[in-house]
Amino acid sequence: MKRDDAMEPERRFGLLQATALNMSNMLGAGPFITIPALMVTMGGPQSMLGWGVALILALADGLVWSELGAALQKSGGSYVYLREGYGREKWGRCMGFLFIWQFILLRLV
């Protein structure tokens, strides 16, 4: 029996799917835990210093990810970056595998 390709859904990853995946990676319980902890620990004006340090770290993180995205123009994101960074054979495959498993396990918890 011949398979009808017209009945299969289109395989694509659009803006909506990419945004949802990126938000699930970035946003979690972290802001709801770290912001009150920062305010209690540092108090008034010193908490702005903490926000400034966080801003610098977030900016550096964004620049690193943009450089990786420009250098390795393949789909797969972190998995591909780890695989290429550690080498495609032994350690790269291991790091990519561990990244995917920790991603799955963190989403289940």
N, C-alpha and C. Protein backbone atom coordinates (compact mmCIF):
# COMPACT_ATOMS: atom_id res chain seq x y z
N MET A 1 0.83 -1.18 0.00
CA MET A 1 0.00 0.00 0.00
C MET A 1 0.88 1.25 0.00
N LYS A 2 0.58 2.19 -0.85
CA LYS A 2 1.36 3.40 -0.98
C LYS A 2 0.95 4.41 0.11
N ARG A 3 1.97 5.00 0.70
CA ARG A 3 1.73 5.98 1.77
C ARG A 3 1.40 7.34 1.17
N ASP A 4 0.36 7.97 1.68
CA ASP A 4 -0.05 9.27 1.18
C ASP A 4 0.64 10.37 1.98
N ASP A 5 1.60 11.07 1.34
CA ASP A 5 2.35 12.12 2.03
C ASP A 5 1.52 13.37 2.28
N ALA A 6 0.44 13.54 1.56
CA ALA A 6 -0.38 14.73 1.73
C ALA A 6 -1.10 14.73 3.08
N MET A 7 -1.27 13.57 3.69
CA MET A 7 -2.00 13.46 4.95
C MET A 7 -1.11 13.70 6.17
N GLU A 8 0.20 13.75 6.00
CA GLU A 8 1.10 13.95 7.13
C GLU A 8 1.16 15.42 7.50
N PRO A 9 1.22 15.72 8.80
CA PRO A 9 1.37 17.12 9.19
C PRO A 9 2.75 17.65 8.81
N GLU A 10 2.81 18.94 8.61
CA GLU A 10 4.07 19.57 8.24
C GLU A 10 4.99 19.61 9.46
N ARG A 11 6.23 19.21 9.27
CA ARG A 11 7.21 19.24 10.36
C ARG A 11 7.94 20.57 10.30
N ARG A 12 7.64 21.44 11.27
CA ARG A 12 8.30 22.73 11.31
C ARG A 12 8.33 23.24 12.75
N PHE A 13 9.22 24.16 12.96
CA PHE A 13 9.42 24.75 14.28
C PHE A 13 9.34 26.26 14.08
N GLY A 14 8.18 26.83 14.33
CA GLY A 14 7.96 28.23 14.07
C GLY A 14 8.27 29.13 15.25
N LEU A 15 7.92 30.39 15.11
CA LEU A 15 8.19 31.38 16.14
C LEU A 15 7.46 31.06 17.44
N LEU A 16 6.22 30.62 17.35
CA LEU A 16 5.45 30.30 18.56
C LEU A 16 6.09 29.14 19.32
N GLN A 17 6.47 28.09 18.63
CA GLN A 17 7.09 26.93 19.28
C GLN A 17 8.45 27.29 19.86
N ALA A 18 9.23 28.07 19.12
CA ALA A 18 10.56 28.47 19.62
C ALA A 18 10.43 29.34 20.86
N THR A 19 9.47 30.25 20.86
CA THR A 19 9.26 31.12 22.02
C THR A 19 8.82 30.31 23.23
N ALA A 20 7.92 29.36 23.03
CA ALA A 20 7.45 28.53 24.14
C ALA A 20 8.58 27.68 24.72
N LEU A 21 9.41 27.12 23.87
CA LEU A 21 10.54 26.32 24.36
C LEU A 21 11.54 27.19 25.11
N ASN A 22 11.83 28.36 24.58
CA ASN A 22 12.78 29.26 25.23
C ASN A 22 12.24 29.74 26.58
N MET A 23 10.97 30.05 26.66
CA MET A 23 10.38 30.49 27.93
C MET A 23 10.38 29.36 28.96
N SER A 24 10.16 28.14 28.52
CA SER A 24 10.19 27.02 29.47
C SER A 24 11.60 26.78 29.98
N ASN A 25 12.60 27.12 29.19
CA ASN A 25 13.98 27.00 29.64
C ASN A 25 14.35 28.11 30.63
N MET A 26 13.90 29.32 30.36
CA MET A 26 14.33 30.47 31.15
C MET A 26 13.51 30.68 32.41
N LEU A 27 12.20 30.61 32.27
CA LEU A 27 11.33 30.98 33.37
C LEU A 27 10.90 29.74 34.14
N GLY A 28 11.12 29.78 35.41
CA GLY A 28 10.71 28.69 36.27
C GLY A 28 10.37 29.28 37.62
N ALA A 29 10.72 28.59 38.64
CA ALA A 29 10.48 29.10 39.99
C ALA A 29 11.57 30.05 40.44
N GLY A 30 12.64 30.17 39.69
CA GLY A 30 13.78 30.99 40.06
C GLY A 30 13.45 32.42 40.46
N PRO A 31 12.73 33.19 39.63
CA PRO A 31 12.43 34.57 40.02
C PRO A 31 11.60 34.66 41.30
N PHE A 32 10.73 33.69 41.53
CA PHE A 32 9.87 33.74 42.71
C PHE A 32 10.62 33.36 43.98
N ILE A 33 11.78 32.74 43.82
CA ILE A 33 12.60 32.37 44.97
C ILE A 33 13.73 33.37 45.18
N THR A 34 14.39 33.77 44.10
CA THR A 34 15.57 34.62 44.23
C THR A 34 15.26 36.07 44.56
N ILE A 35 14.17 36.61 44.03
CA ILE A 35 13.86 38.02 44.29
C ILE A 35 13.58 38.26 45.78
N PRO A 36 12.70 37.47 46.42
CA PRO A 36 12.51 37.68 47.87
C PRO A 36 13.77 37.41 48.68
N ALA A 37 14.54 36.42 48.28
CA ALA A 37 15.78 36.12 49.00
C ALA A 37 16.78 37.28 48.87
N LEU A 38 16.84 37.88 47.71
CA LEU A 38 17.72 39.03 47.49
C LEU A 38 17.29 40.22 48.34
N MET A 39 15.99 40.47 48.40
CA MET A 39 15.49 41.60 49.18
C MET A 39 15.72 41.40 50.68
N VAL A 40 15.52 40.18 51.17
CA VAL A 40 15.71 39.91 52.59
C VAL A 40 17.18 39.97 52.96
N THR A 41 18.04 39.41 52.11
CA THR A 41 19.46 39.34 52.42
C THR A 41 20.13 40.71 52.36
N MET A 42 19.87 41.46 51.31
CA MET A 42 20.58 42.72 51.11
C MET A 42 19.82 43.93 51.63
N GLY A 43 18.53 43.86 51.71
CA GLY A 43 17.77 45.02 52.16
C GLY A 43 17.76 46.13 51.13
N GLY A 44 17.36 47.29 51.51
CA GLY A 44 17.16 48.48 50.68
C GLY A 44 18.07 48.68 49.49
N PRO A 45 18.93 49.70 49.54
CA PRO A 45 19.71 50.10 48.37
C PRO A 45 20.71 49.04 47.89
N GLN A 46 21.16 48.19 48.79
CA GLN A 46 22.13 47.16 48.38
C GLN A 46 21.51 46.16 47.41
N SER A 47 20.19 46.01 47.46
CA SER A 47 19.56 45.07 46.54
C SER A 47 19.71 45.53 45.09
N MET A 48 19.84 46.83 44.87
CA MET A 48 20.06 47.33 43.51
C MET A 48 21.43 46.91 43.00
N LEU A 49 22.38 46.78 43.89
CA LEU A 49 23.70 46.26 43.49
C LEU A 49 23.56 44.83 42.98
N GLY A 50 22.76 44.04 43.69
CA GLY A 50 22.50 42.66 43.24
C GLY A 50 21.84 42.62 41.87
N TRP A 51 20.89 43.53 41.64
CA TRP A 51 20.24 43.61 40.33
C TRP A 51 21.24 44.00 39.25
N GLY A 52 22.16 44.91 39.57
CA GLY A 52 23.18 45.32 38.61
C GLY A 52 24.11 44.18 38.23
N VAL A 53 24.52 43.41 39.23
CA VAL A 53 25.38 42.24 38.96
C VAL A 53 24.62 41.22 38.11
N ALA A 54 23.35 41.00 38.44
CA ALA A 54 22.53 40.07 37.65
C ALA A 54 22.37 40.55 36.22
N LEU A 55 22.23 41.86 36.04
CA LEU A 55 22.13 42.43 34.70
C LEU A 55 23.38 42.16 33.88
N ILE A 56 24.54 42.35 34.48
CA ILE A 56 25.81 42.12 33.78
C ILE A 56 25.95 40.64 33.42
N LEU A 57 25.60 39.75 34.35
CA LEU A 57 25.68 38.31 34.07
C LEU A 57 24.71 37.90 32.97
N ALA A 58 23.49 38.44 33.00
CA ALA A 58 22.50 38.12 31.96
C ALA A 58 22.95 38.63 30.60
N LEU A 59 23.56 39.81 30.58
CA LEU A 59 24.07 40.35 29.32
C LEU A 59 25.20 39.48 28.76
N ALA A 60 26.11 39.07 29.64
CA ALA A 60 27.20 38.20 29.19
C ALA A 60 26.66 36.87 28.68
N ASP A 61 25.65 36.32 29.38
CA ASP A 61 25.04 35.07 28.95
C ASP A 61 24.38 35.21 27.58
N GLY A 62 23.67 36.31 27.37
CA GLY A 62 23.04 36.55 26.07
C GLY A 62 24.05 36.68 24.95
N LEU A 63 25.16 37.34 25.23
CA LEU A 63 26.21 37.49 24.21
C LEU A 63 26.86 36.16 23.87
N VAL A 64 27.06 35.31 24.88
CA VAL A 64 27.63 33.99 24.62
C VAL A 64 26.70 33.16 23.74
N TRP A 65 25.40 33.16 24.07
CA TRP A 65 24.43 32.38 23.28
C TRP A 65 24.32 32.92 21.86
N SER A 66 24.39 34.23 21.69
CA SER A 66 24.31 34.77 20.34
C SER A 66 25.54 34.42 19.52
N GLU A 67 26.70 34.41 20.14
CA GLU A 67 27.92 33.99 19.43
C GLU A 67 27.84 32.52 19.04
N LEU A 68 27.37 31.68 19.95
CA LEU A 68 27.22 30.26 19.63
C LEU A 68 26.22 30.06 18.50
N GLY A 69 25.11 30.79 18.54
CA GLY A 69 24.11 30.67 17.48
C GLY A 69 24.64 31.12 16.13
N ALA A 70 25.50 32.14 16.13
CA ALA A 70 26.06 32.61 14.87
C ALA A 70 27.15 31.67 14.35
N ALA A 71 27.91 31.07 15.27
CA ALA A 71 29.01 30.19 14.85
C ALA A 71 28.52 28.81 14.42
N LEU A 72 27.53 28.29 15.12
CA LEU A 72 27.00 26.94 14.83
C LEU A 72 25.57 27.07 14.36
N GLN A 73 25.39 27.28 13.09
CA GLN A 73 24.06 27.52 12.54
C GLN A 73 23.38 26.20 12.21
N LYS A 74 23.11 25.43 13.24
CA LYS A 74 22.41 24.16 13.10
C LYS A 74 21.26 24.15 14.09
N SER A 75 20.24 23.36 13.81
CA SER A 75 19.15 23.26 14.77
C SER A 75 19.54 22.30 15.88
N GLY A 76 19.05 22.55 17.07
CA GLY A 76 19.34 21.69 18.20
C GLY A 76 19.78 22.45 19.43
N GLY A 77 20.18 23.70 19.28
CA GLY A 77 20.51 24.55 20.41
C GLY A 77 21.61 24.00 21.30
N SER A 78 21.33 23.90 22.59
CA SER A 78 22.33 23.50 23.59
C SER A 78 22.92 22.13 23.29
N TYR A 79 22.10 21.23 22.80
CA TYR A 79 22.59 19.89 22.48
C TYR A 79 23.70 19.97 21.43
N VAL A 80 23.48 20.74 20.39
CA VAL A 80 24.48 20.87 19.32
C VAL A 80 25.72 21.60 19.82
N TYR A 81 25.53 22.64 20.64
CA TYR A 81 26.67 23.39 21.17
C TYR A 81 27.56 22.50 22.03
N LEU A 82 26.94 21.68 22.86
CA LEU A 82 27.72 20.76 23.70
C LEU A 82 28.41 19.70 22.86
N ARG A 83 27.69 19.14 21.90
CA ARG A 83 28.26 18.09 21.06
C ARG A 83 29.45 18.61 20.26
N GLU A 84 29.32 19.78 19.67
CA GLU A 84 30.41 20.34 18.88
C GLU A 84 31.54 20.84 19.77
N GLY A 85 31.20 21.40 20.93
CA GLY A 85 32.22 21.94 21.82
C GLY A 85 33.11 20.87 22.42
N TYR A 86 32.55 19.72 22.77
CA TYR A 86 33.32 18.64 23.37
C TYR A 86 33.79 17.61 22.35
N GLY A 87 33.42 17.78 21.09
CA GLY A 87 33.82 16.83 20.05
C GLY A 87 32.68 15.86 19.77
N ARG A 88 32.56 15.48 18.52
CA ARG A 88 31.41 14.67 18.11
C ARG A 88 31.47 13.23 18.56
N GLU A 89 32.62 12.75 18.95
CA GLU A 89 32.74 11.32 19.25
C GLU A 89 32.31 10.97 20.66
N LYS A 90 33.22 10.97 21.60
CA LYS A 90 32.92 10.43 22.92
C LYS A 90 32.27 11.45 23.86
N TRP A 91 33.00 12.50 24.24
CA TRP A 91 32.52 13.43 25.25
C TRP A 91 31.38 14.30 24.76
N GLY A 92 31.39 14.68 23.51
CA GLY A 92 30.32 15.50 22.98
C GLY A 92 28.99 14.78 23.00
N ARG A 93 29.01 13.53 22.62
CA ARG A 93 27.78 12.73 22.66
C ARG A 93 27.31 12.53 24.09
N CYS A 94 28.26 12.33 25.00
CA CYS A 94 27.92 12.13 26.41
C CYS A 94 27.31 13.40 27.00
N MET A 95 27.92 14.55 26.76
CA MET A 95 27.41 15.81 27.30
C MET A 95 26.04 16.16 26.72
N GLY A 96 25.87 15.94 25.43
CA GLY A 96 24.57 16.17 24.80
C GLY A 96 23.50 15.27 25.40
N PHE A 97 23.84 14.01 25.59
CA PHE A 97 22.91 13.04 26.19
C PHE A 97 22.54 13.47 27.60
N LEU A 98 23.54 13.85 28.41
CA LEU A 98 23.26 14.28 29.79
C LEU A 98 22.43 15.55 29.82
N PHE A 99 22.66 16.47 28.90
CA PHE A 99 21.87 17.70 28.85
C PHE A 99 20.40 17.38 28.58
N ILE A 100 20.15 16.52 27.60
CA ILE A 100 18.76 16.18 27.26
C ILE A 100 18.08 15.50 28.44
N TRP A 101 18.78 14.59 29.11
CA TRP A 101 18.17 13.89 30.25
C TRP A 101 17.90 14.83 31.41
N GLN A 102 18.81 15.74 31.72
CA GLN A 102 18.53 16.66 32.81
C GLN A 102 17.41 17.61 32.44
N PHE A 103 17.30 17.96 31.17
CA PHE A 103 16.20 18.82 30.71
C PHE A 103 14.86 18.11 30.91
N ILE A 104 14.81 16.84 30.52
CA ILE A 104 13.57 16.06 30.68
C ILE A 104 13.23 15.87 32.15
N LEU A 105 14.22 15.52 32.96
CA LEU A 105 13.95 15.27 34.37
C LEU A 105 13.54 16.54 35.12
N LEU A 106 14.11 17.68 34.77
CA LEU A 106 13.72 18.92 35.42
C LEU A 106 12.32 19.33 35.05
N ARG A 107 11.86 18.98 33.87
CA ARG A 107 10.50 19.31 33.45
C ARG A 107 9.48 18.41 34.15
N LEU A 108 9.89 17.23 34.59
CA LEU A 108 8.97 16.31 35.27
C LEU A 108 8.78 16.67 36.73
N VAL A 109 9.77 17.34 37.30
CA VAL A 109 9.70 17.65 38.73
C VAL A 109 8.87 18.84 39.02
